[in-house]
């Protein structure tokens, strides 16, 4: 009954709510960690809120909603777009870090294509160049080391396979 009640409340706001009601509901869902519903509502209000005070927070929370749902490439895209759209935002450092973090978390196992690893490395370097004294320095170094290890292992296994092919 509670689930149906909250579902109908969501549907009511989504279908009949004003932009302000949708924005407030999206913030509430985000704070309750209901990232799916928050993202649905943010997606609806972001184009309407363009140029308002609420636009910055909506875009920031929307990127996080995607991240928490596991949509890492989408999250990275929205975090990057946030940093470009709001270059003076108080959230810019965190958004640029989360852009790098999202790319890193999408790096596949060493045996697969490592294009994402190169993108993540580039993103982390851009972040570290912009914020050399960041509180995320240790985490960035960990991510770079992890990516480097995967790339080394990939290279080693490719060389090993080439050697076997030529000598057997």
C-alpha atoms as a PDB file:
ATOM      1  CA  UNK A   1       0.000   0.000   0.000  1.00  0.00           C
ATOM      2  CA  UNK A   2       2.850   2.384   0.862  1.00  0.00           C
ATOM      3  CA  UNK A   3       4.592   1.547  -2.399  1.00  0.00           C
ATOM      4  CA  UNK A   4       1.425   2.171  -4.402  1.00  0.00           C
ATOM      5  CA  UNK A   5       0.820   5.436  -2.576  1.00  0.00           C
ATOM      6  CA  UNK A   6       4.318   6.720  -3.274  1.00  0.00           C
ATOM      7  CA  UNK A   7       4.091   5.539  -6.864  1.00  0.00           C
ATOM      8  CA  UNK A   8       0.841   7.374  -7.421  1.00  0.00           C
ATOM      9  CA  UNK A   9       2.299  10.506  -5.765  1.00  0.00           C
ATOM     10  CA  UNK A  10       5.245  10.313  -8.181  1.00  0.00           C
ATOM     11  CA  UNK A  11       2.913   9.827 -11.150  1.00  0.00           C
ATOM     12  CA  UNK A  12       0.743  12.732 -10.052  1.00  0.00           C
ATOM     13  CA  UNK A  13       3.715  15.088  -9.800  1.00  0.00           C
ATOM     14  CA  UNK A  14       5.199  13.840 -13.043  1.00  0.00           C
ATOM     15  CA  UNK A  15       1.999  14.219 -15.043  1.00  0.00           C
ATOM     16  CA  UNK A  16       0.299  17.219 -13.429  1.00  0.00           C
ATOM     17  CA  UNK A  17       2.929  19.017 -11.358  1.00  0.00           C
ATOM     18  CA  UNK A  18       4.316  22.438 -12.066  1.00  0.00           C
ATOM     19  CA  UNK A  19       7.974  22.843 -12.844  1.00  0.00           C
ATOM     20  CA  UNK A  20       8.616  23.965  -9.261  1.00  0.00           C
ATOM     21  CA  UNK A  21       6.742  20.946  -7.842  1.00  0.00           C
ATOM     22  CA  UNK A  22       8.713  18.591 -10.091  1.00  0.00           C
ATOM     23  CA  UNK A  23      11.976  20.259  -9.096  1.00  0.00           C
ATOM     24  CA  UNK A  24      11.192  20.003  -5.375  1.00  0.00           C
ATOM     25  CA  UNK A  25      10.030  16.391  -5.754  1.00  0.00           C
ATOM     26  CA  UNK A  26      13.213  15.529  -7.671  1.00  0.00           C
ATOM     27  CA  UNK A  27      15.334  16.992  -4.864  1.00  0.00           C
ATOM     28  CA  UNK A  28      13.347  15.012  -2.269  1.00  0.00           C
ATOM     29  CA  UNK A  29      13.684  11.761  -4.244  1.00  0.00           C
ATOM     30  CA  UNK A  30      17.402  12.395  -4.649  1.00  0.00           C
ATOM     31  CA  UNK A  31      17.834  12.977  -0.914  1.00  0.00           C
ATOM     32  CA  UNK A  32      15.876   9.761  -0.224  1.00  0.00           C
ATOM     33  CA  UNK A  33      18.283   7.978  -2.606  1.00  0.00           C
ATOM     34  CA  UNK A  34      15.509   7.164  -5.091  1.00  0.00           C
ATOM     35  CA  UNK A  35      17.771   8.061  -7.981  1.00  0.00           C
ATOM     36  CA  UNK A  36      15.576   6.645 -10.720  1.00  0.00           C
ATOM     37  CA  UNK A  37      12.586   8.845  -9.874  1.00  0.00           C
ATOM     38  CA  UNK A  38      14.852  11.828  -9.245  1.00  0.00           C
ATOM     39  CA  UNK A  39      16.481  11.420 -12.645  1.00  0.00           C
ATOM     40  CA  UNK A  40      13.128  11.134 -14.415  1.00  0.00           C
ATOM     41  CA  UNK A  41      11.961  14.407 -12.877  1.00  0.00           C
ATOM     42  CA  UNK A  42      15.287  16.191 -13.362  1.00  0.00           C
ATOM     43  CA  UNK A  43      15.277  15.162 -17.010  1.00  0.00           C
ATOM     44  CA  UNK A  44      11.903  16.866 -17.418  1.00  0.00           C
ATOM     45  CA  UNK A  45      12.754  20.104 -15.606  1.00  0.00           C
ATOM     46  CA  UNK A  46      16.355  20.741 -16.719  1.00  0.00           C
ATOM     47  CA  UNK A  47      15.433  22.212 -20.129  1.00  0.00           C
ATOM     48  CA  UNK A  48      12.774  24.417 -18.526  1.00  0.00           C
ATOM     49  CA  UNK A  49      15.041  25.639 -15.721  1.00  0.00           C
ATOM     50  CA  UNK A  50      17.810  26.784 -18.069  1.00  0.00           C
ATOM     51  CA  UNK A  51      19.076  30.169 -16.915  1.00  0.00           C
ATOM     52  CA  UNK A  52      17.569  29.968 -13.423  1.00  0.00           C
ATOM     53  CA  UNK A  53      19.224  29.471 -10.034  1.00  0.00           C
ATOM     54  CA  UNK A  54      17.873  25.915  -9.896  1.00  0.00           C
ATOM     55  CA  UNK A  55      19.479  24.926 -13.186  1.00  0.00           C
ATOM     56  CA  UNK A  56      22.936  24.378 -11.698  1.00  0.00           C
ATOM     57  CA  UNK A  57      21.743  22.138  -8.869  1.00  0.00           C
ATOM     58  CA  UNK A  58      19.418  20.205 -11.194  1.00  0.00           C
ATOM     59  CA  UNK A  59      22.212  19.398 -13.625  1.00  0.00           C
ATOM     60  CA  UNK A  60      24.577  18.450 -10.805  1.00  0.00           C
ATOM     61  CA  UNK A  61      22.064  16.141  -9.129  1.00  0.00           C
ATOM     62  CA  UNK A  62      21.031  14.676 -12.457  1.00  0.00           C
ATOM     63  CA  UNK A  63      24.631  13.659 -13.189  1.00  0.00           C
ATOM     64  CA  UNK A  64      24.871  12.061  -9.738  1.00  0.00           C
ATOM     65  CA  UNK A  65      21.537  10.288 -10.291  1.00  0.00           C
ATOM     66  CA  UNK A  66      22.975   8.687 -13.401  1.00  0.00           C
ATOM     67  CA  UNK A  67      26.146   7.735 -11.528  1.00  0.00           C
ATOM     68  CA  UNK A  68      24.280   6.117  -8.644  1.00  0.00           C
ATOM     69  CA  UNK A  69      22.140   4.145 -11.084  1.00  0.00           C
ATOM     70  CA  UNK A  70      25.330   2.702 -12.593  1.00  0.00           C
ATOM     71  CA  UNK A  71      25.053   4.596 -15.890  1.00  0.00           C
ATOM     72  CA  UNK A  72      28.726   5.485 -15.806  1.00  0.00           C
ATOM     73  CA  UNK A  73      29.164   6.741 -19.361  1.00  0.00           C
ATOM     74  CA  UNK A  74      26.036   8.896 -19.072  1.00  0.00           C
ATOM     75  CA  UNK A  75      27.212  10.175 -15.697  1.00  0.00           C
ATOM     76  CA  UNK A  76      30.632  11.040 -17.122  1.00  0.00           C
ATOM     77  CA  UNK A  77      28.984  12.867 -20.003  1.00  0.00           C
ATOM     78  CA  UNK A  78      26.722  14.880 -17.685  1.00  0.00           C
ATOM     79  CA  UNK A  79      29.517  15.689 -15.219  1.00  0.00           C
ATOM     80  CA  UNK A  80      31.696  16.946 -18.079  1.00  0.00           C
ATOM     81  CA  UNK A  81      28.804  18.936 -19.528  1.00  0.00           C
ATOM     82  CA  UNK A  82      28.208  20.413 -16.058  1.00  0.00           C
ATOM     83  CA  UNK A  83      31.813  21.653 -15.805  1.00  0.00           C
ATOM     84  CA  UNK A  84      31.529  23.267 -19.231  1.00  0.00           C
ATOM     85  CA  UNK A  85      28.105  24.812 -18.602  1.00  0.00           C
ATOM     86  CA  UNK A  86      28.854  26.077 -15.084  1.00  0.00           C
ATOM     87  CA  UNK A  87      32.574  26.962 -15.079  1.00  0.00           C
ATOM     88  CA  UNK A  88      32.296  29.094 -11.922  1.00  0.00           C
ATOM     89  CA  UNK A  89      30.190  26.668  -9.924  1.00  0.00           C
ATOM     90  CA  UNK A  90      31.059  25.721  -6.379  1.00  0.00           C
ATOM     91  CA  UNK A  91      30.490  22.120  -7.527  1.00  0.00           C
ATOM     92  CA  UNK A  92      32.944  22.267 -10.442  1.00  0.00           C
ATOM     93  CA  UNK A  93      35.838  20.519  -8.690  1.00  0.00           C
ATOM     94  CA  UNK A  94      33.603  17.695  -7.520  1.00  0.00           C
ATOM     95  CA  UNK A  95      31.951  17.398 -10.940  1.00  0.00           C
ATOM     96  CA  UNK A  96      35.324  17.192 -12.707  1.00  0.00           C
ATOM     97  CA  UNK A  97      36.472  14.585 -10.196  1.00  0.00           C
ATOM     98  CA  UNK A  98      33.272  12.569 -10.687  1.00  0.00           C
ATOM     99  CA  UNK A  99      33.770  12.774 -14.452  1.00  0.00           C
ATOM    100  CA  UNK A 100      37.155  11.092 -13.969  1.00  0.00           C
ATOM    101  CA  UNK A 101      35.774   8.654 -11.401  1.00  0.00           C
ATOM    102  CA  UNK A 102      32.933   7.605 -13.710  1.00  0.00           C
ATOM    103  CA  UNK A 103      35.351   6.979 -16.564  1.00  0.00           C
ATOM    104  CA  UNK A 104      37.643   5.003 -14.258  1.00  0.00           C
ATOM    105  CA  UNK A 105      34.839   2.801 -12.977  1.00  0.00           C
ATOM    106  CA  UNK A 106      33.929   1.982 -16.569  1.00  0.00           C
ATOM    107  CA  UNK A 107      37.423   0.699 -17.429  1.00  0.00           C
ATOM    108  CA  UNK A 108      37.001  -2.973 -18.356  1.00  0.00           C
ATOM    109  CA  UNK A 109      39.145  -5.977 -17.472  1.00  0.00           C
ATOM    110  CA  UNK A 110      42.643  -5.913 -18.965  1.00  0.00           C
ATOM    111  CA  UNK A 111      41.760  -8.537 -21.554  1.00  0.00           C
ATOM    112  CA  UNK A 112      39.240  -6.221 -23.254  1.00  0.00           C
ATOM    113  CA  UNK A 113      39.637  -3.065 -25.348  1.00  0.00           C
ATOM    114  CA  UNK A 114      41.284  -0.369 -23.229  1.00  0.00           C
ATOM    115  CA  UNK A 115      40.039   2.766 -25.005  1.00  0.00           C
ATOM    116  CA  UNK A 116      38.147   3.702 -21.842  1.00  0.00           C
ATOM    117  CA  UNK A 117      41.367   3.368 -19.836  1.00  0.00           C
ATOM    118  CA  UNK A 118      43.046   5.995 -21.988  1.00  0.00           C
ATOM    119  CA  UNK A 119      40.017   8.303 -21.681  1.00  0.00           C
ATOM    120  CA  UNK A 120      39.984   7.841 -17.903  1.00  0.00           C
ATOM    121  CA  UNK A 121      43.715   8.568 -17.657  1.00  0.00           C
ATOM    122  CA  UNK A 122      43.234  11.732 -19.691  1.00  0.00           C
ATOM    123  CA  UNK A 123      40.293  12.786 -17.495  1.00  0.00           C
ATOM    124  CA  UNK A 124      42.242  12.198 -14.289  1.00  0.00           C
ATOM    125  CA  UNK A 125      45.206  14.185 -15.622  1.00  0.00           C
ATOM    126  CA  UNK A 126      42.937  17.090 -16.585  1.00  0.00           C
ATOM    127  CA  UNK A 127      41.451  17.035 -13.075  1.00  0.00           C
ATOM    128  CA  UNK A 128      44.870  16.911 -11.379  1.00  0.00           C
ATOM    129  CA  UNK A 129      46.170  19.740 -13.571  1.00  0.00           C
ATOM    130  CA  UNK A 130      43.172  21.888 -12.639  1.00  0.00           C
ATOM    131  CA  UNK A 131      43.220  20.967  -8.928  1.00  0.00           C
ATOM    132  CA  UNK A 132      46.738  19.877  -7.895  1.00  0.00           C
ATOM    133  CA  UNK A 133      46.010  20.339  -4.178  1.00  0.00           C
ATOM    134  CA  UNK A 134      42.731  18.385  -4.223  1.00  0.00           C
ATOM    135  CA  UNK A 135      41.505  16.244  -1.364  1.00  0.00           C
ATOM    136  CA  UNK A 136      41.077  13.484  -3.972  1.00  0.00           C
ATOM    137  CA  UNK A 137      44.807  13.285  -4.741  1.00  0.00           C
ATOM    138  CA  UNK A 138      45.311   9.849  -3.162  1.00  0.00           C
ATOM    139  CA  UNK A 139      42.270   8.456  -4.937  1.00  0.00           C
ATOM    140  CA  UNK A 140      43.454   9.878  -8.268  1.00  0.00           C
ATOM    141  CA  UNK A 141      46.876   8.305  -7.776  1.00  0.00           C
ATOM    142  CA  UNK A 142      45.197   4.987  -6.952  1.00  0.00           C
ATOM    143  CA  UNK A 143      43.092   5.202 -10.124  1.00  0.00           C
ATOM    144  CA  UNK A 144      46.135   6.041 -12.261  1.00  0.00           C
ATOM    145  CA  UNK A 145      48.116   3.150 -10.748  1.00  0.00           C
ATOM    146  CA  UNK A 146      45.221   0.761 -11.303  1.00  0.00           C
ATOM    147  CA  UNK A 147      44.855   1.792 -14.949  1.00  0.00           C
ATOM    148  CA  UNK A 148      48.603   1.593 -15.464  1.00  0.00           C
ATOM    149  CA  UNK A 149      48.657  -1.953 -14.058  1.00  0.00           C
ATOM    150  CA  UNK A 150      45.836  -3.028 -16.378  1.00  0.00           C
ATOM    151  CA  UNK A 151      47.598  -1.550 -19.392  1.00  0.00           C
ATOM    152  CA  UNK A 152      50.885  -3.228 -18.432  1.00  0.00           C
ATOM    153  CA  UNK A 153      49.157  -6.576 -17.996  1.00  0.00           C
ATOM    154  CA  UNK A 154      47.408  -6.161 -21.363  1.00  0.00           C
ATOM    155  CA  UNK A 155      50.696  -5.321 -23.082  1.00  0.00           C
ATOM    156  CA  UNK A 156      52.467  -8.248 -21.430  1.00  0.00           C
ATOM    157  CA  UNK A 157      49.783 -10.707 -22.502  1.00  0.00           C
ATOM    158  CA  UNK A 158      49.791  -9.386 -26.067  1.00  0.00           C
ATOM    159  CA  UNK A 159      53.579  -9.753 -26.242  1.00  0.00           C
ATOM    160  CA  UNK A 160      53.332 -13.252 -24.783  1.00  0.00           C
ATOM    161  CA  UNK A 161      50.701 -14.245 -27.347  1.00  0.00           C
ATOM    162  CA  UNK A 162      52.800 -12.817 -30.164  1.00  0.00           C
ATOM    163  CA  UNK A 163      55.865 -14.709 -28.938  1.00  0.00           C
ATOM    164  CA  UNK A 164      53.933 -18.000 -28.758  1.00  0.00           C
ATOM    165  CA  UNK A 165      52.525 -17.475 -32.223  1.00  0.00           C
ATOM    166  CA  UNK A 166      55.976 -16.848 -33.731  1.00  0.00           C
ATOM    167  CA  UNK A 167      57.851 -19.609 -31.897  1.00  0.00           C
ATOM    168  CA  UNK A 168      55.456 -22.557 -31.944  1.00  0.00           C
END
